Amino acid sequence: MNVREVHEFLNEMWESIFRLNEELKAELPEKGFKVEDVEEVFGAYIFLDGEWRLMKYPHPAFEIKPQIEVGATPEAYYFVVAVPKERISENFVGLFVELFPRSFIYGAEDFLSDVYNWRRDGRISPSEIMARIEKSDEKIFQFEANFESVETLREGIERLIDIGKRFEIFDL
């Protein structure tokens, strides 16, 4: 392990999230969203080697209220949006997985049992994903998208807000 590379990687991960947070604080309030400060998040999971694994170390994340978390892990930059089950439609699911090909969908309570996982499920149909959601006892589902850079994450947040407003998933 090269400690210098790990150090530089972690610094860039944190710095880029702080920068994005400041930019979004200046832009999103006019769209009805409140951007919280960056925090150290403990107890998160990342998908490695075909399974969800606990991160015992912190990663940077912040909330965009209502309903969105934005952050970075060693695996990817990400956002997660919480959507009540009754607001989820097949059209929303289909557009979400089309716009965000590196995505996961899982319940808020049993978050280790995903109903869609881009690494495992490939390109299953939106109706198949919707059937899994409808069968579940979960009341809220987390729609997560992963990105390779903070720039593509930023674009993803803009797309998410657009489709979220279109499908009325937000409590605005």
N, C-alpha and C. Protein backbone atom coordinates (compact mmCIF):
# COMPACT_ATOMS: atom_id res chain seq x y z
N MET A 1 0.84 -1.18 0.00
CA MET A 1 0.00 0.00 0.00
C MET A 1 0.89 1.24 0.00
N ASN A 2 0.56 2.17 -0.87
CA ASN A 2 1.29 3.42 -0.93
C ASN A 2 0.52 4.46 -0.11
N VAL A 3 1.05 4.82 1.05
CA VAL A 3 0.37 5.72 1.98
C VAL A 3 0.17 7.09 1.35
N ARG A 4 1.12 7.57 0.58
CA ARG A 4 0.97 8.88 -0.07
C ARG A 4 -0.22 8.89 -1.02
N GLU A 5 -0.39 7.83 -1.80
CA GLU A 5 -1.52 7.74 -2.73
C GLU A 5 -2.85 7.70 -1.98
N VAL A 6 -2.90 6.95 -0.88
CA VAL A 6 -4.13 6.88 -0.07
C VAL A 6 -4.43 8.26 0.49
N HIS A 7 -3.42 8.93 1.03
CA HIS A 7 -3.57 10.27 1.59
C HIS A 7 -4.10 11.25 0.53
N GLU A 8 -3.49 11.26 -0.63
CA GLU A 8 -3.91 12.19 -1.69
C GLU A 8 -5.32 11.86 -2.19
N PHE A 9 -5.65 10.59 -2.30
CA PHE A 9 -6.98 10.17 -2.72
C PHE A 9 -8.03 10.66 -1.72
N LEU A 10 -7.80 10.43 -0.44
CA LEU A 10 -8.77 10.85 0.58
C LEU A 10 -8.91 12.37 0.63
N ASN A 11 -7.80 13.09 0.53
CA ASN A 11 -7.87 14.56 0.52
C ASN A 11 -8.69 15.06 -0.66
N GLU A 12 -8.48 14.50 -1.83
CA GLU A 12 -9.24 14.93 -3.02
C GLU A 12 -10.72 14.59 -2.86
N MET A 13 -11.02 13.41 -2.33
CA MET A 13 -12.41 13.01 -2.10
C MET A 13 -13.11 14.02 -1.20
N TRP A 14 -12.49 14.36 -0.08
CA TRP A 14 -13.09 15.32 0.86
C TRP A 14 -13.15 16.72 0.26
N GLU A 15 -12.07 17.18 -0.33
CA GLU A 15 -12.04 18.54 -0.89
C GLU A 15 -13.11 18.72 -1.97
N SER A 16 -13.28 17.73 -2.82
CA SER A 16 -14.26 17.86 -3.90
C SER A 16 -15.69 17.91 -3.36
N ILE A 17 -15.97 17.17 -2.28
CA ILE A 17 -17.30 17.20 -1.68
C ILE A 17 -17.54 18.55 -0.99
N PHE A 18 -16.53 19.09 -0.30
CA PHE A 18 -16.66 20.43 0.29
C PHE A 18 -16.94 21.48 -0.78
N ARG A 19 -16.23 21.40 -1.89
CA ARG A 19 -16.41 22.36 -2.99
C ARG A 19 -17.82 22.25 -3.58
N LEU A 20 -18.26 21.03 -3.86
CA LEU A 20 -19.60 20.82 -4.40
C LEU A 20 -20.66 21.34 -3.43
N ASN A 21 -20.47 21.09 -2.15
CA ASN A 21 -21.41 21.55 -1.13
C ASN A 21 -21.56 23.07 -1.18
N GLU A 22 -20.46 23.79 -1.26
CA GLU A 22 -20.52 25.25 -1.31
C GLU A 22 -21.22 25.74 -2.58
N GLU A 23 -20.93 25.11 -3.70
CA GLU A 23 -21.59 25.49 -4.97
C GLU A 23 -23.09 25.28 -4.89
N LEU A 24 -23.51 24.13 -4.36
CA LEU A 24 -24.93 23.82 -4.29
C LEU A 24 -25.66 24.70 -3.27
N LYS A 25 -24.97 25.10 -2.20
CA LYS A 25 -25.57 26.02 -1.22
C LYS A 25 -25.94 27.35 -1.89
N ALA A 26 -25.18 27.75 -2.89
CA ALA A 26 -25.45 29.00 -3.59
C ALA A 26 -26.56 28.86 -4.63
N GLU A 27 -26.80 27.64 -5.12
CA GLU A 27 -27.72 27.45 -6.25
C GLU A 27 -29.07 26.83 -5.91
N LEU A 28 -29.11 25.88 -5.01
CA LEU A 28 -30.33 25.09 -4.83
C LEU A 28 -31.44 25.73 -4.00
N PRO A 29 -31.16 26.67 -3.11
CA PRO A 29 -32.28 27.28 -2.36
C PRO A 29 -33.34 27.91 -3.26
N GLU A 30 -32.96 28.46 -4.39
CA GLU A 30 -33.95 29.05 -5.29
C GLU A 30 -34.85 28.00 -5.93
N LYS A 31 -34.44 26.72 -5.86
CA LYS A 31 -35.26 25.62 -6.40
C LYS A 31 -36.07 24.94 -5.30
N GLY A 32 -35.99 25.47 -4.07
CA GLY A 32 -36.76 24.92 -2.97
C GLY A 32 -36.02 23.92 -2.10
N PHE A 33 -34.71 23.80 -2.26
CA PHE A 33 -33.92 22.83 -1.49
C PHE A 33 -32.99 23.55 -0.52
N LYS A 34 -32.72 22.90 0.62
CA LYS A 34 -31.79 23.43 1.61
C LYS A 34 -30.58 22.50 1.66
N VAL A 35 -29.41 23.05 1.50
CA VAL A 35 -28.18 22.25 1.50
C VAL A 35 -27.51 22.37 2.88
N GLU A 36 -27.36 21.24 3.54
CA GLU A 36 -26.74 21.18 4.86
C GLU A 36 -25.21 21.13 4.73
N ASP A 37 -24.51 21.28 5.85
CA ASP A 37 -23.05 21.22 5.86
C ASP A 37 -22.56 19.78 5.66
N VAL A 38 -21.32 19.66 5.19
CA VAL A 38 -20.66 18.35 5.04
C VAL A 38 -20.39 17.78 6.44
N GLU A 39 -20.64 16.49 6.59
CA GLU A 39 -20.40 15.80 7.85
C GLU A 39 -19.58 14.55 7.61
N GLU A 40 -19.04 14.03 8.71
CA GLU A 40 -18.38 12.73 8.69
C GLU A 40 -19.46 11.68 8.92
N VAL A 41 -19.63 10.78 7.98
CA VAL A 41 -20.66 9.75 8.10
C VAL A 41 -19.99 8.42 8.43
N PHE A 42 -20.48 7.80 9.50
CA PHE A 42 -19.98 6.50 9.93
C PHE A 42 -21.05 5.45 9.70
N GLY A 43 -20.63 4.20 9.54
CA GLY A 43 -21.57 3.09 9.48
C GLY A 43 -22.22 2.88 8.13
N ALA A 44 -21.65 3.45 7.08
CA ALA A 44 -22.20 3.25 5.74
C ALA A 44 -21.69 1.91 5.17
N TYR A 45 -22.27 1.54 4.04
CA TYR A 45 -21.88 0.31 3.36
C TYR A 45 -21.49 0.62 1.92
N ILE A 46 -20.54 -0.14 1.40
CA ILE A 46 -20.21 -0.06 -0.02
C ILE A 46 -20.30 -1.48 -0.60
N PHE A 47 -20.53 -1.56 -1.91
CA PHE A 47 -20.69 -2.84 -2.57
C PHE A 47 -19.32 -3.27 -3.13
N LEU A 48 -18.70 -4.26 -2.48
CA LEU A 48 -17.38 -4.76 -2.89
C LEU A 48 -17.42 -6.27 -3.02
N ASP A 49 -16.80 -6.76 -4.06
CA ASP A 49 -16.67 -8.21 -4.26
C ASP A 49 -18.02 -8.92 -4.18
N GLY A 50 -19.06 -8.28 -4.72
CA GLY A 50 -20.37 -8.92 -4.80
C GLY A 50 -21.22 -8.86 -3.55
N GLU A 51 -20.81 -8.06 -2.56
CA GLU A 51 -21.62 -7.95 -1.35
C GLU A 51 -21.47 -6.57 -0.73
N TRP A 52 -22.48 -6.21 0.10
CA TRP A 52 -22.44 -4.94 0.83
C TRP A 52 -21.53 -5.13 2.03
N ARG A 53 -20.56 -4.20 2.20
CA ARG A 53 -19.60 -4.30 3.30
C ARG A 53 -19.61 -3.02 4.12
N LEU A 54 -19.54 -3.21 5.45
CA LEU A 54 -19.54 -2.09 6.38
C LEU A 54 -18.24 -1.30 6.28
N MET A 55 -18.38 0.02 6.22
CA MET A 55 -17.23 0.92 6.28
C MET A 55 -17.09 1.36 7.74
N LYS A 56 -16.01 0.98 8.39
CA LYS A 56 -15.80 1.35 9.79
C LYS A 56 -15.10 2.71 9.90
N TYR A 57 -14.87 3.34 8.78
CA TYR A 57 -14.22 4.64 8.71
C TYR A 57 -15.21 5.66 8.15
N PRO A 58 -15.00 6.94 8.44
CA PRO A 58 -15.95 7.96 7.95
C PRO A 58 -15.73 8.31 6.48
N HIS A 59 -16.81 8.81 5.89
CA HIS A 59 -16.71 9.38 4.55
C HIS A 59 -17.49 10.70 4.55
N PRO A 60 -17.18 11.60 3.60
CA PRO A 60 -17.86 12.89 3.57
C PRO A 60 -19.23 12.78 2.90
N ALA A 61 -20.22 13.43 3.51
CA ALA A 61 -21.56 13.46 2.93
C ALA A 61 -22.31 14.67 3.47
N PHE A 62 -23.34 15.07 2.73
CA PHE A 62 -24.22 16.15 3.20
C PHE A 62 -25.61 15.91 2.66
N GLU A 63 -26.57 16.55 3.32
CA GLU A 63 -27.96 16.41 2.91
C GLU A 63 -28.40 17.59 2.07
N ILE A 64 -29.23 17.29 1.08
CA ILE A 64 -29.98 18.30 0.35
C ILE A 64 -31.43 18.02 0.74
N LYS A 65 -31.96 18.88 1.58
CA LYS A 65 -33.31 18.66 2.09
C LYS A 65 -34.33 19.23 1.14
N PRO A 66 -35.39 18.49 0.87
CA PRO A 66 -35.73 17.21 1.48
C PRO A 66 -35.16 16.02 0.70
N GLN A 67 -34.84 14.96 1.40
CA GLN A 67 -34.73 13.61 0.87
C GLN A 67 -33.46 13.20 0.16
N ILE A 68 -32.45 14.03 -0.02
CA ILE A 68 -31.26 13.63 -0.79
C ILE A 68 -30.02 13.66 0.10
N GLU A 69 -29.19 12.62 -0.03
CA GLU A 69 -27.86 12.62 0.57
C GLU A 69 -26.85 12.57 -0.58
N VAL A 70 -25.77 13.33 -0.43
CA VAL A 70 -24.71 13.40 -1.44
C VAL A 70 -23.40 13.13 -0.72
N GLY A 71 -22.52 12.34 -1.35
CA GLY A 71 -21.24 12.07 -0.70
C GLY A 71 -20.26 11.36 -1.60
N ALA A 72 -19.21 10.86 -0.95
CA ALA A 72 -18.16 10.12 -1.66
C ALA A 72 -17.63 9.03 -0.75
N THR A 73 -17.38 7.87 -1.34
CA THR A 73 -16.73 6.76 -0.66
C THR A 73 -15.52 6.37 -1.52
N PRO A 74 -14.67 5.48 -1.04
CA PRO A 74 -13.57 5.04 -1.90
C PRO A 74 -14.05 4.41 -3.21
N GLU A 75 -15.28 3.94 -3.24
CA GLU A 75 -15.82 3.31 -4.45
C GLU A 75 -16.28 4.33 -5.47
N ALA A 76 -16.98 5.40 -5.02
CA ALA A 76 -17.61 6.31 -5.98
C ALA A 76 -18.13 7.56 -5.29
N TYR A 77 -18.39 8.58 -6.13
CA TYR A 77 -19.22 9.71 -5.70
C TYR A 77 -20.66 9.23 -5.84
N TYR A 78 -21.56 9.73 -4.99
CA TYR A 78 -22.92 9.20 -5.04
C TYR A 78 -23.95 10.22 -4.58
N PHE A 79 -25.20 9.94 -4.95
CA PHE A 79 -26.34 10.54 -4.26
C PHE A 79 -27.32 9.42 -3.96
N VAL A 80 -28.12 9.64 -2.92
CA VAL A 80 -29.20 8.73 -2.55
C VAL A 80 -30.42 9.60 -2.32
N VAL A 81 -31.53 9.23 -2.92
CA VAL A 81 -32.78 9.94 -2.69
C VAL A 81 -33.80 8.97 -2.11
N ALA A 82 -34.47 9.40 -1.03
CA ALA A 82 -35.50 8.59 -0.38
C ALA A 82 -36.84 8.90 -1.01
N VAL A 83 -37.54 7.86 -1.47
CA VAL A 83 -38.82 8.04 -2.15
C VAL A 83 -39.88 7.16 -1.48
N PRO A 84 -40.97 7.77 -0.98
CA PRO A 84 -42.05 6.96 -0.43
C PRO A 84 -42.62 6.02 -1.49
N LYS A 85 -42.94 4.80 -1.08
CA LYS A 85 -43.39 3.76 -2.00
C LYS A 85 -44.55 4.22 -2.87
N GLU A 86 -45.50 4.96 -2.29
CA GLU A 86 -46.68 5.37 -3.05
C GLU A 86 -46.37 6.40 -4.15
N ARG A 87 -45.17 7.00 -4.12
CA ARG A 87 -44.80 7.96 -5.16
C ARG A 87 -43.95 7.34 -6.26
N ILE A 88 -43.64 6.06 -6.13
CA ILE A 88 -42.79 5.40 -7.12
C ILE A 88 -43.67 4.85 -8.24
N SER A 89 -43.31 5.18 -9.47
CA SER A 89 -44.02 4.65 -10.64
C SER A 89 -43.02 3.90 -11.53
N GLU A 90 -43.56 3.06 -12.38
CA GLU A 90 -42.71 2.33 -13.33
C GLU A 90 -41.97 3.30 -14.26
N ASN A 91 -42.62 4.39 -14.65
CA ASN A 91 -41.95 5.38 -15.51
C ASN A 91 -40.78 6.04 -14.79
N PHE A 92 -40.96 6.36 -13.50
CA PHE A 92 -39.86 6.94 -12.72
C PHE A 92 -38.70 5.95 -12.62
N VAL A 93 -39.01 4.71 -12.27
CA VAL A 93 -37.97 3.67 -12.14
C VAL A 93 -37.22 3.52 -13.46
N GLY A 94 -37.95 3.43 -14.57
CA GLY A 94 -37.33 3.25 -15.88
C GLY A 94 -36.41 4.40 -16.24
N LEU A 95 -36.87 5.63 -16.01
CA LEU A 95 -36.04 6.79 -16.33
C LEU A 95 -34.84 6.87 -15.40
N PHE A 96 -35.03 6.53 -14.12
CA PHE A 96 -33.92 6.57 -13.17
C PHE A 96 -32.80 5.63 -13.59
N VAL A 97 -33.12 4.37 -13.89
CA VAL A 97 -32.06 3.42 -14.25
C VAL A 97 -31.47 3.72 -15.63
N GLU A 98 -32.24 4.39 -16.49
CA GLU A 98 -31.70 4.81 -17.78
C GLU A 98 -30.73 5.97 -17.62
N LEU A 99 -31.12 6.98 -16.85
CA LEU A 99 -30.25 8.15 -16.64
C LEU A 99 -29.04 7.82 -15.77
N PHE A 100 -29.22 6.90 -14.84
CA PHE A 100 -28.17 6.57 -13.88
C PHE A 100 -27.86 5.07 -13.95
N PRO A 101 -27.10 4.66 -14.95
CA PRO A 101 -26.85 3.22 -15.15
C PRO A 101 -26.11 2.54 -14.00
N ARG A 102 -25.35 3.29 -13.22
CA ARG A 102 -24.66 2.72 -12.06
C ARG A 102 -25.50 3.00 -10.82
N SER A 103 -26.60 2.27 -10.68
CA SER A 103 -27.52 2.58 -9.59
C SER A 103 -27.93 1.35 -8.79
N PHE A 104 -28.45 1.65 -7.60
CA PHE A 104 -28.98 0.65 -6.68
C PHE A 104 -30.33 1.16 -6.18
N ILE A 105 -31.25 0.25 -5.91
CA ILE A 105 -32.52 0.61 -5.29
C ILE A 105 -32.73 -0.37 -4.15
N TYR A 106 -32.95 0.17 -2.94
CA TYR A 106 -33.12 -0.67 -1.77
C TYR A 106 -34.04 0.01 -0.77
N GLY A 107 -34.58 -0.77 0.14
CA GLY A 107 -35.48 -0.23 1.16
C GLY A 107 -34.73 0.55 2.22
N ALA A 108 -35.47 1.41 2.91
CA ALA A 108 -34.87 2.20 3.98
C ALA A 108 -34.62 1.37 5.23
N GLU A 109 -35.45 0.36 5.47
CA GLU A 109 -35.29 -0.48 6.66
C GLU A 109 -34.28 -1.60 6.42
N ASP A 110 -34.50 -2.39 5.38
CA ASP A 110 -33.61 -3.51 5.06
C ASP A 110 -32.74 -3.12 3.87
N PHE A 111 -31.81 -2.21 4.12
CA PHE A 111 -31.02 -1.64 3.03
C PHE A 111 -29.97 -2.59 2.46
N LEU A 112 -29.73 -3.70 3.11
CA LEU A 112 -28.76 -4.66 2.57
C LEU A 112 -29.40 -5.64 1.58
N SER A 113 -30.72 -5.61 1.47
CA SER A 113 -31.43 -6.44 0.48
C SER A 113 -31.97 -5.52 -0.61
N ASP A 114 -31.19 -5.35 -1.64
CA ASP A 114 -31.60 -4.41 -2.69
C ASP A 114 -32.60 -5.04 -3.66
N VAL A 115 -33.48 -4.20 -4.22
CA VAL A 115 -34.42 -4.67 -5.23
C VAL A 115 -33.84 -4.47 -6.63
N TYR A 116 -32.81 -3.62 -6.73
CA TYR A 116 -32.09 -3.46 -8.01
C TYR A 116 -30.64 -3.14 -7.68
N ASN A 117 -29.74 -3.79 -8.38
CA ASN A 117 -28.31 -3.61 -8.19
C ASN A 117 -27.65 -3.70 -9.56
N TRP A 118 -27.12 -2.60 -10.04
CA TRP A 118 -26.57 -2.55 -11.40
C TRP A 118 -25.46 -3.55 -11.63
N ARG A 119 -24.75 -3.92 -10.60
CA ARG A 119 -23.65 -4.88 -10.76
C ARG A 119 -24.15 -6.31 -10.84
N ARG A 120 -25.30 -6.55 -10.27
CA ARG A 120 -25.84 -7.90 -10.23
C ARG A 120 -26.94 -8.11 -11.27
N ASP A 121 -27.83 -7.14 -11.40
CA ASP A 121 -29.04 -7.32 -12.20
C ASP A 121 -28.92 -6.94 -13.66
N GLY A 122 -27.87 -6.21 -14.01
CA GLY A 122 -27.74 -5.79 -15.41
C GLY A 122 -28.91 -4.93 -15.83
N ARG A 123 -29.49 -5.23 -16.95
CA ARG A 123 -30.56 -4.40 -17.50
C ARG A 123 -31.92 -5.09 -17.40
N ILE A 124 -32.37 -5.38 -16.18
CA ILE A 124 -33.72 -5.93 -16.04
C ILE A 124 -34.72 -4.81 -16.32
N SER A 125 -35.92 -5.18 -16.64
CA SER A 125 -36.93 -4.21 -17.04
C SER A 125 -37.45 -3.41 -15.86
N PRO A 126 -37.88 -2.17 -16.12
CA PRO A 126 -38.50 -1.37 -15.06
C PRO A 126 -39.72 -2.07 -14.44
N SER A 127 -40.47 -2.83 -15.24
CA SER A 127 -41.63 -3.52 -14.68
C SER A 127 -41.20 -4.60 -13.70
N GLU A 128 -40.07 -5.25 -13.96
CA GLU A 128 -39.54 -6.25 -13.03
C GLU A 128 -39.10 -5.60 -11.72
N ILE A 129 -38.43 -4.45 -11.83
CA ILE A 129 -38.01 -3.72 -10.63
C ILE A 129 -39.24 -3.27 -9.85
N MET A 130 -40.22 -2.76 -10.56
CA MET A 130 -41.45 -2.28 -9.93
C MET A 130 -42.17 -3.42 -9.22
N ALA A 131 -42.17 -4.60 -9.80
CA ALA A 131 -42.80 -5.76 -9.16
C ALA A 131 -42.10 -6.09 -7.84
N ARG A 132 -40.78 -5.98 -7.82
CA ARG A 132 -40.02 -6.23 -6.59
C ARG A 132 -40.36 -5.18 -5.52
N ILE A 133 -40.50 -3.94 -5.95
CA ILE A 133 -40.86 -2.86 -5.02
C ILE A 133 -42.26 -3.12 -4.45
N GLU A 134 -43.19 -3.45 -5.31
CA GLU A 134 -44.58 -3.67 -4.88
C GLU A 134 -44.69 -4.86 -3.92
N LYS A 135 -43.87 -5.90 -4.11
CA LYS A 135 -43.88 -7.07 -3.23
C LYS A 135 -43.30 -6.78 -1.85
N SER A 136 -42.49 -5.75 -1.76
CA SER A 136 -41.78 -5.45 -0.52
C SER A 136 -42.69 -4.80 0.52
N ASP A 137 -42.36 -5.04 1.79
CA ASP A 137 -43.06 -4.38 2.89
C ASP A 137 -42.49 -3.00 3.21
N GLU A 138 -41.41 -2.63 2.53
CA GLU A 138 -40.78 -1.32 2.78
C GLU A 138 -41.75 -0.19 2.44
N LYS A 139 -41.67 0.89 3.22
CA LYS A 139 -42.51 2.06 2.98
C LYS A 139 -41.76 3.15 2.22
N ILE A 140 -40.43 3.15 2.35
CA ILE A 140 -39.57 4.13 1.68
C ILE A 140 -38.44 3.38 0.99
N PHE A 141 -38.15 3.79 -0.24
CA PHE A 141 -37.05 3.19 -0.99
C PHE A 141 -35.97 4.23 -1.25
N GLN A 142 -34.72 3.75 -1.20
CA GLN A 142 -33.56 4.58 -1.48
C GLN A 142 -33.12 4.31 -2.91
N PHE A 143 -33.04 5.37 -3.70
CA PHE A 143 -32.55 5.29 -5.07
C PHE A 143 -31.15 5.90 -5.06
N GLU A 144 -30.13 5.07 -5.27
CA GLU A 144 -28.75 5.52 -5.22
C GLU A 144 -28.14 5.46 -6.62
N ALA A 145 -27.35 6.48 -6.94
CA ALA A 145 -26.60 6.49 -8.20
C ALA A 145 -25.14 6.79 -7.89
N ASN A 146 -24.24 6.08 -8.56
CA ASN A 146 -22.81 6.23 -8.38
C ASN A 146 -22.19 6.90 -9.60
N PHE A 147 -21.14 7.68 -9.34
CA PHE A 147 -20.49 8.47 -10.40
C PHE A 147 -18.97 8.38 -10.24
N GLU A 148 -18.28 8.54 -11.35
CA GLU A 148 -16.82 8.45 -11.33
C GLU A 148 -16.14 9.75 -10.95
N SER A 149 -16.85 10.88 -11.04
CA SER A 149 -16.23 12.16 -10.73
C SER A 149 -17.25 13.07 -10.06
N VAL A 150 -16.75 14.10 -9.39
CA VAL A 150 -17.64 15.05 -8.75
C VAL A 150 -18.41 15.86 -9.80
N GLU A 151 -17.82 16.04 -10.98
CA GLU A 151 -18.51 16.77 -12.05
C GLU A 151 -19.72 15.99 -12.55
N THR A 152 -19.57 14.68 -12.76
CA THR A 152 -20.71 13.89 -13.22
C THR A 152 -21.75 13.73 -12.11
N LEU A 153 -21.29 13.72 -10.85
CA LEU A 153 -22.23 13.72 -9.71
C LEU A 153 -23.08 14.99 -9.74
N ARG A 154 -22.45 16.12 -9.96
CA ARG A 154 -23.16 17.41 -10.00
C ARG A 154 -24.23 17.39 -11.10
N GLU A 155 -23.86 16.90 -12.27
CA GLU A 155 -24.83 16.78 -13.38
C GLU A 155 -25.96 15.82 -12.99
N GLY A 156 -25.61 14.75 -12.30
CA GLY A 156 -26.60 13.78 -11.86
C GLY A 156 -27.60 14.38 -10.87
N ILE A 157 -27.12 15.22 -9.97
CA ILE A 157 -28.01 15.89 -9.01
C ILE A 157 -28.99 16.79 -9.75
N GLU A 158 -28.50 17.51 -10.75
CA GLU A 158 -29.39 18.37 -11.55
C GLU A 158 -30.46 17.55 -12.26
N ARG A 159 -30.06 16.42 -12.84
CA ARG A 159 -31.03 15.53 -13.51
C ARG A 159 -32.03 14.95 -12.50
N LEU A 160 -31.52 14.54 -11.34
CA LEU A 160 -32.39 14.00 -10.30
C LEU A 160 -33.45 15.02 -9.89
N ILE A 161 -33.05 16.24 -9.67
CA ILE A 161 -34.01 17.28 -9.28
C ILE A 161 -35.05 17.48 -10.37
N ASP A 162 -34.63 17.47 -11.62
CA ASP A 162 -35.58 17.63 -12.73
C ASP A 162 -36.60 16.49 -12.77
N ILE A 163 -36.11 15.25 -12.73
CA ILE A 163 -37.07 14.14 -12.82
C ILE A 163 -37.86 13.99 -11.53
N GLY A 164 -37.24 14.33 -10.41
CA GLY A 164 -37.95 14.26 -9.13
C GLY A 164 -39.13 15.21 -9.09
N LYS A 165 -38.93 16.41 -9.61
CA LYS A 165 -40.04 17.37 -9.68
C LYS A 165 -41.09 16.89 -10.68
N ARG A 166 -40.63 16.36 -11.79
CA ARG A 166 -41.56 15.87 -12.82
C ARG A 166 -42.46 14.75 -12.29
N PHE A 167 -41.88 13.84 -11.50
CA PHE A 167 -42.65 12.71 -10.97
C PHE A 167 -43.15 12.96 -9.55
N GLU A 168 -42.98 14.17 -9.06
CA GLU A 168 -43.48 14.60 -7.74
C GLU A 168 -43.06 13.68 -6.60
N ILE A 169 -41.76 13.39 -6.55
CA ILE A 169 -41.26 12.53 -5.47
C ILE A 169 -40.83 13.33 -4.24
N PHE A 170 -40.63 14.64 -4.40
CA PHE A 170 -40.11 15.46 -3.31
C PHE A 170 -41.21 16.06 -2.44
N ASP A 171 -40.89 16.24 -1.17
CA ASP A 171 -41.78 16.93 -0.22
C ASP A 171 -41.43 18.42 -0.24
N LEU A 172 -41.74 19.09 -1.33
CA LEU A 172 -41.43 20.52 -1.46
C LEU A 172 -42.62 21.36 -1.10
